[in-house]
C-alpha atoms as a PDB file:
ATOM      1  CA  UNK A   1      10.656  11.204  57.370  1.00  0.00           C
ATOM      2  CA  UNK A   2      10.536   8.666  60.181  1.00  0.00           C
ATOM      3  CA  UNK A   3       9.593   9.509  63.747  1.00  0.00           C
ATOM      4  CA  UNK A   4      12.263   7.153  64.996  1.00  0.00           C
ATOM      5  CA  UNK A   5      15.934   7.712  64.222  1.00  0.00           C
ATOM      6  CA  UNK A   6      17.208   5.008  61.920  1.00  0.00           C
ATOM      7  CA  UNK A   7      20.814   4.095  62.494  1.00  0.00           C
ATOM      8  CA  UNK A   8      22.799   1.996  60.042  1.00  0.00           C
ATOM      9  CA  UNK A   9      24.153  -0.093  62.917  1.00  0.00           C
ATOM     10  CA  UNK A  10      20.596  -1.004  63.935  1.00  0.00           C
ATOM     11  CA  UNK A  11      19.761  -2.035  60.389  1.00  0.00           C
ATOM     12  CA  UNK A  12      22.992  -4.035  60.095  1.00  0.00           C
ATOM     13  CA  UNK A  13      22.250  -5.813  63.383  1.00  0.00           C
ATOM     14  CA  UNK A  14      18.732  -6.597  62.169  1.00  0.00           C
ATOM     15  CA  UNK A  15      20.040  -8.022  58.903  1.00  0.00           C
ATOM     16  CA  UNK A  16      22.602 -10.125  60.762  1.00  0.00           C
ATOM     17  CA  UNK A  17      19.979 -11.556  63.119  1.00  0.00           C
ATOM     18  CA  UNK A  18      17.577 -12.294  60.277  1.00  0.00           C
ATOM     19  CA  UNK A  19      20.210 -14.038  58.166  1.00  0.00           C
ATOM     20  CA  UNK A  20      21.403 -16.044  61.180  1.00  0.00           C
ATOM     21  CA  UNK A  21      18.001 -17.321  62.269  1.00  0.00           C
ATOM     22  CA  UNK A  22      15.974 -17.445  59.057  1.00  0.00           C
ATOM     23  CA  UNK A  23      16.546 -18.823  55.584  1.00  0.00           C
ATOM     24  CA  UNK A  24      18.279 -15.971  53.706  1.00  0.00           C
ATOM     25  CA  UNK A  25      16.567 -16.979  50.467  1.00  0.00           C
ATOM     26  CA  UNK A  26      13.127 -16.476  52.027  1.00  0.00           C
ATOM     27  CA  UNK A  27      13.919 -13.000  53.312  1.00  0.00           C
ATOM     28  CA  UNK A  28      16.090 -11.767  50.426  1.00  0.00           C
ATOM     29  CA  UNK A  29      13.631  -9.083  49.187  1.00  0.00           C
ATOM     30  CA  UNK A  30      13.266  -7.681  52.710  1.00  0.00           C
ATOM     31  CA  UNK A  31      17.021  -7.674  53.324  1.00  0.00           C
ATOM     32  CA  UNK A  32      17.645  -5.916  49.996  1.00  0.00           C
ATOM     33  CA  UNK A  33      15.298  -3.090  50.988  1.00  0.00           C
ATOM     34  CA  UNK A  34      16.867  -2.875  54.457  1.00  0.00           C
ATOM     35  CA  UNK A  35      20.327  -2.463  52.917  1.00  0.00           C
ATOM     36  CA  UNK A  36      19.049   0.387  50.736  1.00  0.00           C
ATOM     37  CA  UNK A  37      17.241   1.950  53.682  1.00  0.00           C
ATOM     38  CA  UNK A  38      20.448   1.993  55.719  1.00  0.00           C
ATOM     39  CA  UNK A  39      21.951   4.232  53.038  1.00  0.00           C
ATOM     40  CA  UNK A  40      18.890   6.489  52.642  1.00  0.00           C
ATOM     41  CA  UNK A  41      16.899   6.374  55.900  1.00  0.00           C
ATOM     42  CA  UNK A  42      14.593   9.279  55.041  1.00  0.00           C
ATOM     43  CA  UNK A  43      13.455   7.870  51.693  1.00  0.00           C
ATOM     44  CA  UNK A  44       9.679   7.415  51.952  1.00  0.00           C
ATOM     45  CA  UNK A  45       9.649   5.242  48.822  1.00  0.00           C
ATOM     46  CA  UNK A  46      11.985   2.786  50.534  1.00  0.00           C
ATOM     47  CA  UNK A  47       9.717   2.685  53.578  1.00  0.00           C
ATOM     48  CA  UNK A  48       6.829   1.814  51.267  1.00  0.00           C
ATOM     49  CA  UNK A  49       8.950  -0.912  49.653  1.00  0.00           C
ATOM     50  CA  UNK A  50       9.859  -2.225  53.111  1.00  0.00           C
ATOM     51  CA  UNK A  51       6.174  -2.467  53.964  1.00  0.00           C
ATOM     52  CA  UNK A  52       5.468  -4.318  50.713  1.00  0.00           C
ATOM     53  CA  UNK A  53       8.394  -6.728  51.218  1.00  0.00           C
ATOM     54  CA  UNK A  54       7.266  -7.384  54.791  1.00  0.00           C
ATOM     55  CA  UNK A  55       3.695  -8.061  53.667  1.00  0.00           C
ATOM     56  CA  UNK A  56       5.031 -10.634  51.198  1.00  0.00           C
ATOM     57  CA  UNK A  57       6.624 -12.681  53.977  1.00  0.00           C
ATOM     58  CA  UNK A  58       3.371 -14.257  55.100  1.00  0.00           C
ATOM     59  CA  UNK A  59       3.888 -16.423  58.190  1.00  0.00           C
ATOM     60  CA  UNK A  60       7.528 -15.329  58.455  1.00  0.00           C
ATOM     61  CA  UNK A  61       6.401 -11.860  59.598  1.00  0.00           C
ATOM     62  CA  UNK A  62       6.346 -12.962  63.237  1.00  0.00           C
ATOM     63  CA  UNK A  63       9.859 -14.371  63.057  1.00  0.00           C
ATOM     64  CA  UNK A  64      11.127 -11.200  61.393  1.00  0.00           C
ATOM     65  CA  UNK A  65       9.658  -9.049  64.152  1.00  0.00           C
ATOM     66  CA  UNK A  66      11.121 -11.379  66.781  1.00  0.00           C
ATOM     67  CA  UNK A  67      14.680 -11.193  65.452  1.00  0.00           C
ATOM     68  CA  UNK A  68      14.549  -7.614  64.163  1.00  0.00           C
ATOM     69  CA  UNK A  69      12.126  -5.570  66.304  1.00  0.00           C
ATOM     70  CA  UNK A  70      13.488  -2.352  64.787  1.00  0.00           C
ATOM     71  CA  UNK A  71      11.544  -3.267  61.656  1.00  0.00           C
ATOM     72  CA  UNK A  72       8.311  -3.070  63.637  1.00  0.00           C
ATOM     73  CA  UNK A  73       9.152   0.493  64.644  1.00  0.00           C
ATOM     74  CA  UNK A  74       9.847   1.421  61.029  1.00  0.00           C
ATOM     75  CA  UNK A  75       6.629  -0.145  59.809  1.00  0.00           C
ATOM     76  CA  UNK A  76       4.576   1.615  62.476  1.00  0.00           C
ATOM     77  CA  UNK A  77       5.785   4.974  61.205  1.00  0.00           C
ATOM     78  CA  UNK A  78       3.498   7.171  59.185  1.00  0.00           C
ATOM     79  CA  UNK A  79       5.609   8.310  56.220  1.00  0.00           C
ATOM     80  CA  UNK A  80       2.780  10.546  55.003  1.00  0.00           C
ATOM     81  CA  UNK A  81       2.402  12.480  58.249  1.00  0.00           C
ATOM     82  CA  UNK A  82      -1.307  11.625  58.634  1.00  0.00           C
END
């Protein structure tokens, strides 16, 4: 469960911004997880996949956080409640 409410409209806006300003091919794995997360926002496995996809972006991480700051909030969550 996330500490921050995840709204589909926020995820859709993030995807739109990312696809507008970045090469969609480079962020495809991240966008795929975001689309799934919009449908199942409380799925801890999807949050883990989001973290993994984000880690795989390398230098694009900064650009992703610039255009989709909601992702930063999701990644700062503690899905394990520690």
